[in-house]
Every structure is written in structure tokens, then in C-alpha cells.
Amino acid sequence: MKLARWGLLALVAMAMPAFAEGGNVEAGRVKANTCMGCHGIPNYNNVYPTYRVPRIGGQTEAYIVAALKGYKNGERPHLTMRAQATNLSDQDMADIAAFFAHAPVHK
């Protein structure tokens, strides 16, 4: 049983680099221009509804892609983000994720 778990972990680890390399950082820089209007401003708070806009520089590619897909399919309920994600292709999401994953982390 223990050996089977290690085999599964090894399989997952081998598959991850293919996903991580799916996005193009430079293409993502262009495609993420709109994102920077909120996510690129330190300590930015949206007015209505009031919430702190998260900084996503340095976040993992997998997380950003999953979040964008969640907004696009309605699993995540934020209407502004849903509008932003609706027209993104899988490649657009991968490129944007690659850009933010390689962006500096600002605290």
C-alpha cells in the first residue's frame, strides 16, 4: 500500500511540470493588463461591494488557473471576476497564470 502511494505521488509530480509550462509569461503580461487595474495596486480595496483585492503576484499557476475557471463556470460567485474570466480561453488562463506566478511578490 505504501509503495502504491509513492507511485501515485511520483506520477502526479511528473505531470505537474507539463501543466506549469503550459503558459507563456510574456503573452500573459499582455493578457493580464486588465487584471493589473485591481490586482496590481498595493493595499487596494474595492468600493462596492467593499473587499480587499488580493495580490496575486507569486501565486502558483495551478491556483490561478483553478480560480479563473471557477469564476468562468460560476463556482466562484464574484460577478466582476466572472465577467473578466468569461471570455478567457484555457490558453489565456495559462498565460495569465504564468505571468502572475513569475511576478514579484509584494507585501
PDB file of N, CA and C in Angstrom:
ATOM      1  N   MET A   1       0.816  -1.191   0.000  1.00  0.00           N
ATOM      2  CA  MET A   1       0.000   0.000   0.000  1.00  0.00           C
ATOM      3  C   MET A   1       0.863   1.260   0.000  1.00  0.00           C
ATOM      4  N   LYS A   2       1.879   1.260   0.854  1.00  0.00           N
ATOM      5  CA  LYS A   2       2.766   2.410   0.952  1.00  0.00           C
ATOM      6  C   LYS A   2       3.477   2.654  -0.375  1.00  0.00           C
ATOM      7  N   LEU A   3       3.907   1.588  -1.017  1.00  0.00           N
ATOM      8  CA  LEU A   3       4.587   1.692  -2.301  1.00  0.00           C
ATOM      9  C   LEU A   3       3.654   2.248  -3.376  1.00  0.00           C
ATOM     10  N   ALA A   4       2.383   1.863  -3.348  1.00  0.00           N
ATOM     11  CA  ALA A   4       1.409   2.359  -4.321  1.00  0.00           C
ATOM     12  C   ALA A   4       1.229   3.869  -4.171  1.00  0.00           C
ATOM     13  N   ARG A   5       1.212   4.373  -2.944  1.00  0.00           N
ATOM     14  CA  ARG A   5       1.075   5.819  -2.718  1.00  0.00           C
ATOM     15  C   ARG A   5       2.268   6.570  -3.300  1.00  0.00           C
ATOM     16  N   TRP A   6       3.474   6.022  -3.108  1.00  0.00           N
ATOM     17  CA  TRP A   6       4.664   6.677  -3.646  1.00  0.00           C
ATOM     18  C   TRP A   6       4.617   6.699  -5.165  1.00  0.00           C
ATOM     19  N   GLY A   7       4.109   5.624  -5.751  1.00  0.00           N
ATOM     20  CA  GLY A   7       3.982   5.574  -7.207  1.00  0.00           C
ATOM     21  C   GLY A   7       3.010   6.622  -7.713  1.00  0.00           C
ATOM     22  N   LEU A   8       1.906   6.803  -7.001  1.00  0.00           N
ATOM     23  CA  LEU A   8       0.926   7.811  -7.367  1.00  0.00           C
ATOM     24  C   LEU A   8       1.513   9.209  -7.226  1.00  0.00           C
ATOM     25  N   LEU A   9       2.227   9.453  -6.131  1.00  0.00           N
ATOM     26  CA  LEU A   9       2.864  10.759  -5.936  1.00  0.00           C
ATOM     27  C   LEU A   9       3.888  11.042  -7.036  1.00  0.00           C
ATOM     28  N   ALA A  10       4.639  10.036  -7.423  1.00  0.00           N
ATOM     29  CA  ALA A  10       5.623  10.215  -8.495  1.00  0.00           C
ATOM     30  C   ALA A  10       4.936  10.537  -9.813  1.00  0.00           C
ATOM     31  N   LEU A  11       3.823   9.890 -10.085  1.00  0.00           N
ATOM     32  CA  LEU A  11       3.068  10.152 -11.313  1.00  0.00           C
ATOM     33  C   LEU A  11       2.545  11.582 -11.331  1.00  0.00           C
ATOM     34  N   VAL A  12       1.990  12.039 -10.220  1.00  0.00           N
ATOM     35  CA  VAL A  12       1.488  13.409 -10.122  1.00  0.00           C
ATOM     36  C   VAL A  12       2.637  14.402 -10.286  1.00  0.00           C
ATOM     37  N   ALA A  13       3.756  14.140  -9.646  1.00  0.00           N
ATOM     38  CA  ALA A  13       4.907  15.038  -9.744  1.00  0.00           C
ATOM     39  C   ALA A  13       5.425  15.144 -11.170  1.00  0.00           C
ATOM     40  N   MET A  14       5.386  14.049 -11.907  1.00  0.00           N
ATOM     41  CA  MET A  14       5.848  14.085 -13.303  1.00  0.00           C
ATOM     42  C   MET A  14       4.878  14.859 -14.181  1.00  0.00           C
ATOM     43  N   ALA A  15       3.601  14.838 -13.865  1.00  0.00           N
ATOM     44  CA  ALA A  15       2.602  15.524 -14.680  1.00  0.00           C
ATOM     45  C   ALA A  15       2.602  17.021 -14.431  1.00  0.00           C
ATOM     46  N   MET A  16       2.977  17.476 -13.252  1.00  0.00           N
ATOM     47  CA  MET A  16       2.905  18.891 -12.903  1.00  0.00           C
ATOM     48  C   MET A  16       3.757  19.793 -13.786  1.00  0.00           C
ATOM     49  N   PRO A  17       5.001  19.456 -14.109  1.00  0.00           N
ATOM     50  CA  PRO A  17       5.774  20.360 -14.945  1.00  0.00           C
ATOM     51  C   PRO A  17       5.127  20.623 -16.303  1.00  0.00           C
ATOM     52  N   ALA A  18       4.445  19.669 -16.877  1.00  0.00           N
ATOM     53  CA  ALA A  18       3.786  19.890 -18.161  1.00  0.00           C
ATOM     54  C   ALA A  18       2.729  20.969 -18.023  1.00  0.00           C
ATOM     55  N   PHE A  19       1.987  20.956 -16.929  1.00  0.00           N
ATOM     56  CA  PHE A  19       0.983  21.986 -16.705  1.00  0.00           C
ATOM     57  C   PHE A  19       1.663  23.331 -16.465  1.00  0.00           C
ATOM     58  N   ALA A  20       2.688  23.338 -15.634  1.00  0.00           N
ATOM     59  CA  ALA A  20       3.360  24.581 -15.281  1.00  0.00           C
ATOM     60  C   ALA A  20       3.986  25.245 -16.502  1.00  0.00           C
ATOM     61  N   GLU A  21       4.355  24.470 -17.482  1.00  0.00           N
ATOM     62  CA  GLU A  21       4.974  25.021 -18.678  1.00  0.00           C
ATOM     63  C   GLU A  21       3.947  25.363 -19.752  1.00  0.00           C
ATOM     64  N   GLY A  22       2.659  25.221 -19.449  1.00  0.00           N
ATOM     65  CA  GLY A  22       1.615  25.476 -20.437  1.00  0.00           C
ATOM     66  C   GLY A  22       1.399  26.944 -20.730  1.00  0.00           C
ATOM     67  N   GLY A  23       1.798  27.820 -19.822  1.00  0.00           N
ATOM     68  CA  GLY A  23       1.581  29.244 -20.008  1.00  0.00           C
ATOM     69  C   GLY A  23       2.823  29.958 -20.475  1.00  0.00           C
ATOM     70  N   ASN A  24       2.606  31.057 -21.175  1.00  0.00           N
ATOM     71  CA  ASN A  24       3.687  31.881 -21.688  1.00  0.00           C
ATOM     72  C   ASN A  24       3.700  33.181 -20.891  1.00  0.00           C
ATOM     73  N   VAL A  25       4.793  33.435 -20.189  1.00  0.00           N
ATOM     74  CA  VAL A  25       4.897  34.594 -19.309  1.00  0.00           C
ATOM     75  C   VAL A  25       4.717  35.894 -20.087  1.00  0.00           C
ATOM     76  N   GLU A  26       5.372  36.022 -21.219  1.00  0.00           N
ATOM     77  CA  GLU A  26       5.284  37.273 -22.000  1.00  0.00           C
ATOM     78  C   GLU A  26       3.884  37.486 -22.560  1.00  0.00           C
ATOM     79  N   ALA A  27       3.250  36.436 -23.060  1.00  0.00           N
ATOM     80  CA  ALA A  27       1.870  36.560 -23.533  1.00  0.00           C
ATOM     81  C   ALA A  27       0.961  36.905 -22.361  1.00  0.00           C
ATOM     82  N   GLY A  28       1.237  36.322 -21.205  1.00  0.00           N
ATOM     83  CA  GLY A  28       0.454  36.606 -20.010  1.00  0.00           C
ATOM     84  C   GLY A  28       0.591  38.035 -19.545  1.00  0.00           C
ATOM     85  N   ARG A  29       1.768  38.618 -19.739  1.00  0.00           N
ATOM     86  CA  ARG A  29       1.989  40.016 -19.354  1.00  0.00           C
ATOM     87  C   ARG A  29       1.014  40.928 -20.107  1.00  0.00           C
ATOM     88  N   VAL A  30       0.812  40.656 -21.383  1.00  0.00           N
ATOM     89  CA  VAL A  30      -0.117  41.443 -22.192  1.00  0.00           C
ATOM     90  C   VAL A  30      -1.561  41.154 -21.789  1.00  0.00           C
ATOM     91  N   LYS A  31      -1.881  39.876 -21.657  1.00  0.00           N
ATOM     92  CA  LYS A  31      -3.257  39.477 -21.336  1.00  0.00           C
ATOM     93  C   LYS A  31      -3.673  39.895 -19.929  1.00  0.00           C
ATOM     94  N   ALA A  32      -2.723  40.058 -19.018  1.00  0.00           N
ATOM     95  CA  ALA A  32      -3.024  40.412 -17.633  1.00  0.00           C
ATOM     96  C   ALA A  32      -3.124  41.918 -17.419  1.00  0.00           C
ATOM     97  N   ASN A  33      -3.029  42.691 -18.473  1.00  0.00           N
ATOM     98  CA  ASN A  33      -3.080  44.145 -18.345  1.00  0.00           C
ATOM     99  C   ASN A  33      -4.328  44.599 -17.591  1.00  0.00           C
ATOM    100  N   THR A  34      -5.472  44.044 -17.935  1.00  0.00           N
ATOM    101  CA  THR A  34      -6.717  44.405 -17.255  1.00  0.00           C
ATOM    102  C   THR A  34      -6.673  44.000 -15.786  1.00  0.00           C
ATOM    103  N   CYS A  35      -6.095  42.849 -15.503  1.00  0.00           N
ATOM    104  CA  CYS A  35      -6.010  42.349 -14.124  1.00  0.00           C
ATOM    105  C   CYS A  35      -5.249  43.332 -13.226  1.00  0.00           C
ATOM    106  N   MET A  36      -4.245  43.968 -13.811  1.00  0.00           N
ATOM    107  CA  MET A  36      -3.384  44.852 -13.027  1.00  0.00           C
ATOM    108  C   MET A  36      -4.119  46.082 -12.523  1.00  0.00           C
ATOM    109  N   GLY A  37      -5.242  46.429 -13.143  1.00  0.00           N
ATOM    110  CA  GLY A  37      -6.019  47.578 -12.694  1.00  0.00           C
ATOM    111  C   GLY A  37      -6.488  47.443 -11.253  1.00  0.00           C
ATOM    112  N   CYS A  38      -6.668  46.227 -10.783  1.00  0.00           N
ATOM    113  CA  CYS A  38      -7.052  45.991  -9.377  1.00  0.00           C
ATOM    114  C   CYS A  38      -5.966  45.228  -8.623  1.00  0.00           C
ATOM    115  N   HIS A  39      -5.486  44.136  -9.223  1.00  0.00           N
ATOM    116  CA  HIS A  39      -4.542  43.258  -8.528  1.00  0.00           C
ATOM    117  C   HIS A  39      -3.127  43.816  -8.490  1.00  0.00           C
ATOM    118  N   GLY A  40      -2.853  44.870  -9.235  1.00  0.00           N
ATOM    119  CA  GLY A  40      -1.509  45.444  -9.255  1.00  0.00           C
ATOM    120  C   GLY A  40      -1.342  46.643  -8.346  1.00  0.00           C
ATOM    121  N   ILE A  41      -2.383  46.998  -7.599  1.00  0.00           N
ATOM    122  CA  ILE A  41      -2.339  48.172  -6.728  1.00  0.00           C
ATOM    123  C   ILE A  41      -2.162  47.721  -5.278  1.00  0.00           C
ATOM    124  N   PRO A  42      -1.070  48.113  -4.639  1.00  0.00           N
ATOM    125  CA  PRO A  42      -0.854  47.710  -3.249  1.00  0.00           C
ATOM    126  C   PRO A  42      -1.988  48.195  -2.333  1.00  0.00           C
ATOM    127  N   ASN A  43      -2.452  47.305  -1.476  1.00  0.00           N
ATOM    128  CA  ASN A  43      -3.482  47.608  -0.472  1.00  0.00           C
ATOM    129  C   ASN A  43      -4.780  48.146  -1.068  1.00  0.00           C
ATOM    130  N   TYR A  44      -5.125  47.688  -2.264  1.00  0.00           N
ATOM    131  CA  TYR A  44      -6.333  48.174  -2.933  1.00  0.00           C
ATOM    132  C   TYR A  44      -7.583  47.552  -2.331  1.00  0.00           C
ATOM    133  N   ASN A  45      -8.591  48.392  -2.089  1.00  0.00           N
ATOM    134  CA  ASN A  45      -9.889  47.944  -1.608  1.00  0.00           C
ATOM    135  C   ASN A  45     -10.945  48.381  -2.611  1.00  0.00           C
ATOM    136  N   ASN A  46     -11.797  47.455  -2.997  1.00  0.00           N
ATOM    137  CA  ASN A  46     -12.908  47.771  -3.875  1.00  0.00           C
ATOM    138  C   ASN A  46     -13.949  48.558  -3.077  1.00  0.00           C
ATOM    139  N   VAL A  47     -14.644  49.477  -3.747  1.00  0.00           N
ATOM    140  CA  VAL A  47     -15.614  50.312  -3.060  1.00  0.00           C
ATOM    141  C   VAL A  47     -16.925  49.570  -2.800  1.00  0.00           C
ATOM    142  N   TYR A  48     -17.515  48.991  -3.848  1.00  0.00           N
ATOM    143  CA  TYR A  48     -18.783  48.286  -3.643  1.00  0.00           C
ATOM    144  C   TYR A  48     -18.829  47.050  -4.516  1.00  0.00           C
ATOM    145  N   PRO A  49     -19.027  45.911  -3.970  1.00  0.00           N
ATOM    146  CA  PRO A  49     -19.036  45.664  -2.525  1.00  0.00           C
ATOM    147  C   PRO A  49     -17.630  45.833  -1.968  1.00  0.00           C
ATOM    148  N   THR A  50     -17.529  46.227  -0.740  1.00  0.00           N
ATOM    149  CA  THR A  50     -16.233  46.520  -0.133  1.00  0.00           C
ATOM    150  C   THR A  50     -15.507  45.220   0.200  1.00  0.00           C
ATOM    151  N   TYR A  51     -14.309  45.093  -0.327  1.00  0.00           N
ATOM    152  CA  TYR A  51     -13.452  43.953  -0.013  1.00  0.00           C
ATOM    153  C   TYR A  51     -12.028  44.318  -0.398  1.00  0.00           C
ATOM    154  N   ARG A  52     -11.082  43.655   0.219  1.00  0.00           N
ATOM    155  CA  ARG A  52      -9.672  43.840  -0.094  1.00  0.00           C
ATOM    156  C   ARG A  52      -9.348  42.998  -1.316  1.00  0.00           C
ATOM    157  N   VAL A  53      -8.778  43.621  -2.331  1.00  0.00           N
ATOM    158  CA  VAL A  53      -8.398  42.904  -3.545  1.00  0.00           C
ATOM    159  C   VAL A  53      -7.086  42.175  -3.275  1.00  0.00           C
ATOM    160  N   PRO A  54      -7.069  40.865  -3.470  1.00  0.00           N
ATOM    161  CA  PRO A  54      -5.845  40.116  -3.163  1.00  0.00           C
ATOM    162  C   PRO A  54      -4.725  40.379  -4.164  1.00  0.00           C
ATOM    163  N   ARG A  55      -3.509  40.386  -3.661  1.00  0.00           N
ATOM    164  CA  ARG A  55      -2.322  40.462  -4.513  1.00  0.00           C
ATOM    165  C   ARG A  55      -2.066  39.053  -5.011  1.00  0.00           C
ATOM    166  N   ILE A  56      -1.853  38.876  -6.282  1.00  0.00           N
ATOM    167  CA  ILE A  56      -1.680  37.521  -6.803  1.00  0.00           C
ATOM    168  C   ILE A  56      -0.301  37.266  -7.395  1.00  0.00           C
ATOM    169  N   GLY A  57       0.589  38.258  -7.330  1.00  0.00           N
ATOM    170  CA  GLY A  57       1.961  38.040  -7.772  1.00  0.00           C
ATOM    171  C   GLY A  57       2.622  36.974  -6.922  1.00  0.00           C
ATOM    172  N   GLY A  58       3.229  35.982  -7.558  1.00  0.00           N
ATOM    173  CA  GLY A  58       3.893  34.903  -6.844  1.00  0.00           C
ATOM    174  C   GLY A  58       2.989  33.737  -6.496  1.00  0.00           C
ATOM    175  N   GLN A  59       1.698  33.860  -6.773  1.00  0.00           N
ATOM    176  CA  GLN A  59       0.760  32.752  -6.532  1.00  0.00           C
ATOM    177  C   GLN A  59       1.069  31.625  -7.525  1.00  0.00           C
ATOM    178  N   THR A  60       0.709  30.415  -7.214  1.00  0.00           N
ATOM    179  CA  THR A  60       1.016  29.304  -8.116  1.00  0.00           C
ATOM    180  C   THR A  60       0.131  29.343  -9.363  1.00  0.00           C
ATOM    181  N   GLU A  61       0.679  28.848 -10.453  1.00  0.00           N
ATOM    182  CA  GLU A  61      -0.071  28.803 -11.709  1.00  0.00           C
ATOM    183  C   GLU A  61      -1.341  27.972 -11.564  1.00  0.00           C
ATOM    184  N   ALA A  62      -1.217  26.834 -10.901  1.00  0.00           N
ATOM    185  CA  ALA A  62      -2.366  25.938 -10.750  1.00  0.00           C
ATOM    186  C   ALA A  62      -3.506  26.636 -10.014  1.00  0.00           C
ATOM    187  N   TYR A  63      -3.179  27.388  -8.973  1.00  0.00           N
ATOM    188  CA  TYR A  63      -4.207  28.084  -8.205  1.00  0.00           C
ATOM    189  C   TYR A  63      -4.895  29.150  -9.060  1.00  0.00           C
ATOM    190  N   ILE A  64      -4.118  29.925  -9.793  1.00  0.00           N
ATOM    191  CA  ILE A  64      -4.704  30.999 -10.609  1.00  0.00           C
ATOM    192  C   ILE A  64      -5.601  30.425 -11.694  1.00  0.00           C
ATOM    193  N   VAL A  65      -5.155  29.378 -12.357  1.00  0.00           N
ATOM    194  CA  VAL A  65      -5.982  28.743 -13.391  1.00  0.00           C
ATOM    195  C   VAL A  65      -7.271  28.206 -12.773  1.00  0.00           C
ATOM    196  N   ALA A  66      -7.161  27.525 -11.638  1.00  0.00           N
ATOM    197  CA  ALA A  66      -8.351  26.976 -10.987  1.00  0.00           C
ATOM    198  C   ALA A  66      -9.318  28.090 -10.589  1.00  0.00           C
ATOM    199  N   ALA A  67      -8.787  29.198 -10.085  1.00  0.00           N
ATOM    200  CA  ALA A  67      -9.637  30.319  -9.690  1.00  0.00           C
ATOM    201  C   ALA A  67     -10.338  30.916 -10.908  1.00  0.00           C
ATOM    202  N   LEU A  68      -9.599  31.141 -11.984  1.00  0.00           N
ATOM    203  CA  LEU A  68     -10.205  31.714 -13.196  1.00  0.00           C
ATOM    204  C   LEU A  68     -11.286  30.796 -13.763  1.00  0.00           C
ATOM    205  N   LYS A  69     -11.012  29.498 -13.762  1.00  0.00           N
ATOM    206  CA  LYS A  69     -12.028  28.550 -14.245  1.00  0.00           C
ATOM    207  C   LYS A  69     -13.252  28.563 -13.335  1.00  0.00           C
ATOM    208  N   GLY A  70     -13.027  28.697 -12.035  1.00  0.00           N
ATOM    209  CA  GLY A  70     -14.125  28.770 -11.084  1.00  0.00           C
ATOM    210  C   GLY A  70     -14.994  29.999 -11.305  1.00  0.00           C
ATOM    211  N   TYR A  71     -14.366  31.123 -11.597  1.00  0.00           N
ATOM    212  CA  TYR A  71     -15.137  32.337 -11.900  1.00  0.00           C
ATOM    213  C   TYR A  71     -15.899  32.165 -13.209  1.00  0.00           C
ATOM    214  N   LYS A  72     -15.232  31.594 -14.201  1.00  0.00           N
ATOM    215  CA  LYS A  72     -15.856  31.427 -15.513  1.00  0.00           C
ATOM    216  C   LYS A  72     -17.085  30.520 -15.458  1.00  0.00           C
ATOM    217  N   ASN A  73     -16.998  29.427 -14.720  1.00  0.00           N
ATOM    218  CA  ASN A  73     -18.129  28.487 -14.687  1.00  0.00           C
ATOM    219  C   ASN A  73     -19.123  28.768 -13.556  1.00  0.00           C
ATOM    220  N   GLY A  74     -18.898  29.823 -12.792  1.00  0.00           N
ATOM    221  CA  GLY A  74     -19.848  30.220 -11.762  1.00  0.00           C
ATOM    222  C   GLY A  74     -19.652  29.572 -10.405  1.00  0.00           C
ATOM    223  N   GLU A  75     -18.636  28.713 -10.249  1.00  0.00           N
ATOM    224  CA  GLU A  75     -18.373  28.106  -8.942  1.00  0.00           C
ATOM    225  C   GLU A  75     -17.921  29.147  -7.925  1.00  0.00           C
ATOM    226  N   ARG A  76     -17.253  30.173  -8.405  1.00  0.00           N
ATOM    227  CA  ARG A  76     -16.861  31.303  -7.558  1.00  0.00           C
ATOM    228  C   ARG A  76     -17.801  32.451  -7.895  1.00  0.00           C
ATOM    229  N   PRO A  77     -18.439  33.042  -6.891  1.00  0.00           N
ATOM    230  CA  PRO A  77     -19.552  33.951  -7.154  1.00  0.00           C
ATOM    231  C   PRO A  77     -19.229  35.421  -7.433  1.00  0.00           C
ATOM    232  N   HIS A  78     -17.999  35.825  -7.550  1.00  0.00           N
ATOM    233  CA  HIS A  78     -17.656  37.238  -7.734  1.00  0.00           C
ATOM    234  C   HIS A  78     -18.018  37.694  -9.152  1.00  0.00           C
ATOM    235  N   LEU A  79     -18.993  38.586  -9.279  1.00  0.00           N
ATOM    236  CA  LEU A  79     -19.515  38.971 -10.596  1.00  0.00           C
ATOM    237  C   LEU A  79     -18.496  39.692 -11.473  1.00  0.00           C
ATOM    238  N   THR A  80     -17.679  40.551 -10.904  1.00  0.00           N
ATOM    239  CA  THR A  80     -16.664  41.252 -11.706  1.00  0.00           C
ATOM    240  C   THR A  80     -15.648  40.261 -12.256  1.00  0.00           C
ATOM    241  N   MET A  81     -15.199  39.348 -11.401  1.00  0.00           N
ATOM    242  CA  MET A  81     -14.228  38.354 -11.864  1.00  0.00           C
ATOM    243  C   MET A  81     -14.864  37.407 -12.876  1.00  0.00           C
ATOM    244  N   ARG A  82     -16.123  37.099 -12.689  1.00  0.00           N
ATOM    245  CA  ARG A  82     -16.797  36.238 -13.670  1.00  0.00           C
ATOM    246  C   ARG A  82     -16.835  36.919 -15.034  1.00  0.00           C
ATOM    247  N   ALA A  83     -17.136  38.212 -15.040  1.00  0.00           N
ATOM    248  CA  ALA A  83     -17.155  38.960 -16.301  1.00  0.00           C
ATOM    249  C   ALA A  83     -15.769  38.977 -16.940  1.00  0.00           C
ATOM    250  N   GLN A  84     -14.734  39.093 -16.125  1.00  0.00           N
ATOM    251  CA  GLN A  84     -13.371  39.107 -16.657  1.00  0.00           C
ATOM    252  C   GLN A  84     -12.971  37.744 -17.226  1.00  0.00           C
ATOM    253  N   ALA A  85     -13.387  36.682 -16.566  1.00  0.00           N
ATOM    254  CA  ALA A  85     -12.962  35.332 -16.952  1.00  0.00           C
ATOM    255  C   ALA A  85     -13.804  34.712 -18.065  1.00  0.00           C
ATOM    256  N   THR A  86     -14.993  35.216 -18.277  1.00  0.00           N
ATOM    257  CA  THR A  86     -15.929  34.588 -19.211  1.00  0.00           C
ATOM    258  C   THR A  86     -15.353  34.341 -20.594  1.00  0.00           C
ATOM    259  N   ASN A  87     -14.624  35.283 -21.128  1.00  0.00           N
ATOM    260  CA  ASN A  87     -14.112  35.150 -22.497  1.00  0.00           C
ATOM    261  C   ASN A  87     -12.681  34.633 -22.578  1.00  0.00           C
ATOM    262  N   LEU A  88     -12.119  34.211 -21.456  1.00  0.00           N
ATOM    263  CA  LEU A  88     -10.746  33.694 -21.471  1.00  0.00           C
ATOM    264  C   LEU A  88     -10.736  32.240 -21.930  1.00  0.00           C
ATOM    265  N   SER A  89      -9.820  31.932 -22.829  1.00  0.00           N
ATOM    266  CA  SER A  89      -9.622  30.541 -23.238  1.00  0.00           C
ATOM    267  C   SER A  89      -8.733  29.860 -22.201  1.00  0.00           C
ATOM    268  N   ASP A  90      -8.606  28.554 -22.292  1.00  0.00           N
ATOM    269  CA  ASP A  90      -7.699  27.826 -21.393  1.00  0.00           C
ATOM    270  C   ASP A  90      -6.270  28.329 -21.553  1.00  0.00           C
ATOM    271  N   GLN A  91      -5.870  28.642 -22.798  1.00  0.00           N
ATOM    272  CA  GLN A  91      -4.514  29.158 -23.024  1.00  0.00           C
ATOM    273  C   GLN A  91      -4.348  30.543 -22.419  1.00  0.00           C
ATOM    274  N   ASP A  92      -5.371  31.400 -22.533  1.00  0.00           N
ATOM    275  CA  ASP A  92      -5.318  32.726 -21.904  1.00  0.00           C
ATOM    276  C   ASP A  92      -5.098  32.579 -20.404  1.00  0.00           C
ATOM    277  N   MET A  93      -5.854  31.676 -19.797  1.00  0.00           N
ATOM    278  CA  MET A  93      -5.733  31.461 -18.349  1.00  0.00           C
ATOM    279  C   MET A  93      -4.342  30.963 -17.990  1.00  0.00           C
ATOM    280  N   ALA A  94      -3.813  30.048 -18.771  1.00  0.00           N
ATOM    281  CA  ALA A  94      -2.468  29.518 -18.512  1.00  0.00           C
ATOM    282  C   ALA A  94      -1.419  30.616 -18.653  1.00  0.00           C
ATOM    283  N   ASP A  95      -1.564  31.467 -19.657  1.00  0.00           N
ATOM    284  CA  ASP A  95      -0.603  32.566 -19.864  1.00  0.00           C
ATOM    285  C   ASP A  95      -0.666  33.571 -18.722  1.00  0.00           C
ATOM    286  N   ILE A  96      -1.870  33.965 -18.328  1.00  0.00           N
ATOM    287  CA  ILE A  96      -2.038  34.907 -17.218  1.00  0.00           C
ATOM    288  C   ILE A  96      -1.468  34.312 -15.935  1.00  0.00           C
ATOM    289  N   ALA A  97      -1.737  33.034 -15.714  1.00  0.00           N
ATOM    290  CA  ALA A  97      -1.223  32.357 -14.520  1.00  0.00           C
ATOM    291  C   ALA A  97       0.304  32.317 -14.530  1.00  0.00           C
ATOM    292  N   ALA A  98       0.892  32.054 -15.685  1.00  0.00           N
ATOM    293  CA  ALA A  98       2.357  32.025 -15.783  1.00  0.00           C
ATOM    294  C   ALA A  98       2.939  33.395 -15.465  1.00  0.00           C
ATOM    295  N   PHE A  99       2.320  34.448 -15.966  1.00  0.00           N
ATOM    296  CA  PHE A  99       2.793  35.805 -15.696  1.00  0.00           C
ATOM    297  C   PHE A  99       2.762  36.102 -14.191  1.00  0.00           C
ATOM    298  N   PHE A 100       1.605  35.871 -13.555  1.00  0.00           N
ATOM    299  CA  PHE A 100       1.499  36.184 -12.138  1.00  0.00           C
ATOM    300  C   PHE A 100       2.355  35.280 -11.275  1.00  0.00           C
ATOM    301  N   ALA A 101       2.526  34.032 -11.661  1.00  0.00           N
ATOM    302  CA  ALA A 101       3.368  33.116 -10.878  1.00  0.00           C
ATOM    303  C   ALA A 101       4.825  33.581 -10.872  1.00  0.00           C
ATOM    304  N   HIS A 102       5.240  34.260 -11.939  1.00  0.00           N
ATOM    305  CA  HIS A 102       6.615  34.734 -12.035  1.00  0.00           C
ATOM    306  C   HIS A 102       6.764  36.208 -11.662  1.00  0.00           C
ATOM    307  N   ALA A 103       5.660  36.857 -11.305  1.00  0.00           N
ATOM    308  CA  ALA A 103       5.690  38.264 -10.912  1.00  0.00           C
ATOM    309  C   ALA A 103       6.228  38.371  -9.489  1.00  0.00           C
ATOM    310  N   PRO A 104       6.812  39.520  -9.163  1.00  0.00           N
ATOM    311  CA  PRO A 104       7.313  39.704  -7.799  1.00  0.00           C
ATOM    312  C   PRO A 104       6.175  39.681  -6.781  1.00  0.00           C
ATOM    313  N   VAL A 105       6.488  39.189  -5.606  1.00  0.00           N
ATOM    314  CA  VAL A 105       5.527  39.155  -4.514  1.00  0.00           C
ATOM    315  C   VAL A 105       5.697  40.449  -3.725  1.00  0.00           C
ATOM    316  N   HIS A 106       4.646  41.233  -3.651  1.00  0.00           N
ATOM    317  CA  HIS A 106       4.662  42.471  -2.859  1.00  0.00           C
ATOM    318  C   HIS A 106       3.794  42.270  -1.636  1.00  0.00           C
ATOM    319  N   LYS A 107       4.270  42.711  -0.512  1.00  0.00           N
ATOM    320  CA  LYS A 107       3.505  42.516   0.732  1.00  0.00           C
ATOM    321  C   LYS A 107       2.899  43.803   1.190  1.00  0.00           C
TER     322      LYS A 107
END
